[in-house]
Amino acid sequence: MRNGKAVINLQTGAHLPCCWDICEKDGVELHKTRVRSGVESVTYVFCSDRHRMYWVNSHRDNGNLPAGYRSTML
């Protein structure tokens, strides 16, 4: 299992939390997702690939994972 460095807010020095709605763990560099909207982009950080995949697929089926991610436990 790979571990990543916690993402730190450069203005406050605090660790950024996982962006999945019910998670309180720190987000890590390894599991970032960037969303572009025109010229601007927003980066979301997650504590695990599983939570990142929950978020990526939430627009279709909130709370469910795509095939291939369902059998792993965290």
C-alpha atoms as a PDB file:
ATOM      1  CA  MET A   1       0.000   0.000   0.000  1.00  0.00           C
ATOM      2  CA  ARG A   2       1.387   3.405  -0.969  1.00  0.00           C
ATOM      3  CA  ASN A   3       1.216   6.330   1.415  1.00  0.00           C
ATOM      4  CA  GLY A   4       1.245   9.938   0.380  1.00  0.00           C
ATOM      5  CA  LYS A   5       2.155  13.207   2.043  1.00  0.00           C
ATOM      6  CA  ALA A   6      -0.632  15.171   3.671  1.00  0.00           C
ATOM      7  CA  VAL A   7      -1.735  18.212   1.676  1.00  0.00           C
ATOM      8  CA  ILE A   8      -1.033  21.445   3.546  1.00  0.00           C
ATOM      9  CA  ASN A   9      -2.849  24.762   3.122  1.00  0.00           C
ATOM     10  CA  LEU A  10      -0.041  27.186   2.278  1.00  0.00           C
ATOM     11  CA  GLN A  11      -1.846  30.137   3.880  1.00  0.00           C
ATOM     12  CA  THR A  12      -2.646  28.566   7.265  1.00  0.00           C
ATOM     13  CA  GLY A  13      -0.216  25.640   7.497  1.00  0.00           C
ATOM     14  CA  ALA A  14      -3.075  23.286   8.416  1.00  0.00           C
ATOM     15  CA  HIS A  15      -3.626  19.885   6.796  1.00  0.00           C
ATOM     16  CA  LEU A  16      -6.525  19.782   4.331  1.00  0.00           C
ATOM     17  CA  PRO A  17      -9.204  17.201   5.142  1.00  0.00           C
ATOM     18  CA  CYS A  18     -10.461  14.522   2.750  1.00  0.00           C
ATOM     19  CA  CYS A  19     -13.162  15.978   0.458  1.00  0.00           C
ATOM     20  CA  TRP A  20     -15.467  12.964   0.801  1.00  0.00           C
ATOM     21  CA  ASP A  21     -18.420  14.221   2.839  1.00  0.00           C
ATOM     22  CA  ILE A  22     -18.273  11.812   5.800  1.00  0.00           C
ATOM     23  CA  CYS A  23     -14.493  11.484   6.177  1.00  0.00           C
ATOM     24  CA  GLU A  24     -12.380  13.317   8.749  1.00  0.00           C
ATOM     25  CA  LYS A  25      -8.934  12.040   7.691  1.00  0.00           C
ATOM     26  CA  ASP A  26      -6.270  14.217   6.058  1.00  0.00           C
ATOM     27  CA  GLY A  27      -6.178  14.424   2.268  1.00  0.00           C
ATOM     28  CA  VAL A  28      -2.943  13.226   0.646  1.00  0.00           C
ATOM     29  CA  GLU A  29      -1.002  14.270  -2.476  1.00  0.00           C
ATOM     30  CA  LEU A  30      -1.334  10.783  -3.918  1.00  0.00           C
ATOM     31  CA  HIS A  31      -5.135  11.003  -4.270  1.00  0.00           C
ATOM     32  CA  LYS A  32      -5.790  14.444  -5.778  1.00  0.00           C
ATOM     33  CA  THR A  33      -8.306  15.206  -8.508  1.00  0.00           C
ATOM     34  CA  ARG A  34      -8.287  18.416 -10.529  1.00  0.00           C
ATOM     35  CA  VAL A  35     -11.508  19.737 -12.063  1.00  0.00           C
ATOM     36  CA  ARG A  36     -11.203  22.369 -14.779  1.00  0.00           C
ATOM     37  CA  SER A  37     -13.927  24.875 -15.471  1.00  0.00           C
ATOM     38  CA  GLY A  38     -12.904  27.105 -18.334  1.00  0.00           C
ATOM     39  CA  VAL A  39      -9.677  28.856 -17.384  1.00  0.00           C
ATOM     40  CA  GLU A  40      -9.887  28.067 -13.655  1.00  0.00           C
ATOM     41  CA  SER A  41      -9.282  24.731 -11.955  1.00  0.00           C
ATOM     42  CA  VAL A  42     -10.079  23.380  -8.504  1.00  0.00           C
ATOM     43  CA  THR A  43      -8.113  20.597  -6.827  1.00  0.00           C
ATOM     44  CA  TYR A  44      -9.862  18.156  -4.487  1.00  0.00           C
ATOM     45  CA  VAL A  45      -7.833  15.955  -2.121  1.00  0.00           C
ATOM     46  CA  PHE A  46      -8.802  12.606  -0.645  1.00  0.00           C
ATOM     47  CA  CYS A  47      -7.379  10.245   1.963  1.00  0.00           C
ATOM     48  CA  SER A  48      -7.640   7.188  -0.303  1.00  0.00           C
ATOM     49  CA  ASP A  49      -8.300   6.175  -3.882  1.00  0.00           C
ATOM     50  CA  ARG A  50     -11.566   4.619  -2.701  1.00  0.00           C
ATOM     51  CA  HIS A  51     -12.899   7.980  -1.428  1.00  0.00           C
ATOM     52  CA  ARG A  52     -11.671   9.685  -4.604  1.00  0.00           C
ATOM     53  CA  MET A  53     -13.624   7.174  -6.693  1.00  0.00           C
ATOM     54  CA  TYR A  54     -16.744   7.703  -4.539  1.00  0.00           C
ATOM     55  CA  TRP A  55     -16.489  11.434  -5.300  1.00  0.00           C
ATOM     56  CA  VAL A  56     -15.716  10.976  -9.015  1.00  0.00           C
ATOM     57  CA  ASN A  57     -18.784   8.740  -9.431  1.00  0.00           C
ATOM     58  CA  SER A  58     -21.120  10.631  -7.082  1.00  0.00           C
ATOM     59  CA  HIS A  59     -22.771  12.577  -9.911  1.00  0.00           C
ATOM     60  CA  ARG A  60     -24.123   9.278 -11.271  1.00  0.00           C
ATOM     61  CA  ASP A  61     -24.700   7.155  -8.196  1.00  0.00           C
ATOM     62  CA  ASN A  62     -23.882   8.829  -4.868  1.00  0.00           C
ATOM     63  CA  GLY A  63     -22.540   6.379  -2.282  1.00  0.00           C
ATOM     64  CA  ASN A  64     -21.745   3.603  -4.744  1.00  0.00           C
ATOM     65  CA  LEU A  65     -18.471   2.598  -6.340  1.00  0.00           C
ATOM     66  CA  PRO A  66     -17.863   1.497  -9.943  1.00  0.00           C
ATOM     67  CA  ALA A  67     -17.031  -2.122 -10.717  1.00  0.00           C
ATOM     68  CA  GLY A  68     -13.509  -3.038  -9.643  1.00  0.00           C
ATOM     69  CA  TYR A  69     -13.594  -0.856  -6.505  1.00  0.00           C
ATOM     70  CA  ARG A  70     -16.484  -2.529  -4.676  1.00  0.00           C
ATOM     71  CA  SER A  71     -14.648  -5.473  -3.138  1.00  0.00           C
ATOM     72  CA  THR A  72     -11.841  -3.557  -1.400  1.00  0.00           C
ATOM     73  CA  MET A  73     -12.294  -2.730   2.262  1.00  0.00           C
ATOM     74  CA  LEU A  74     -10.962   0.366   4.073  1.00  0.00           C
END
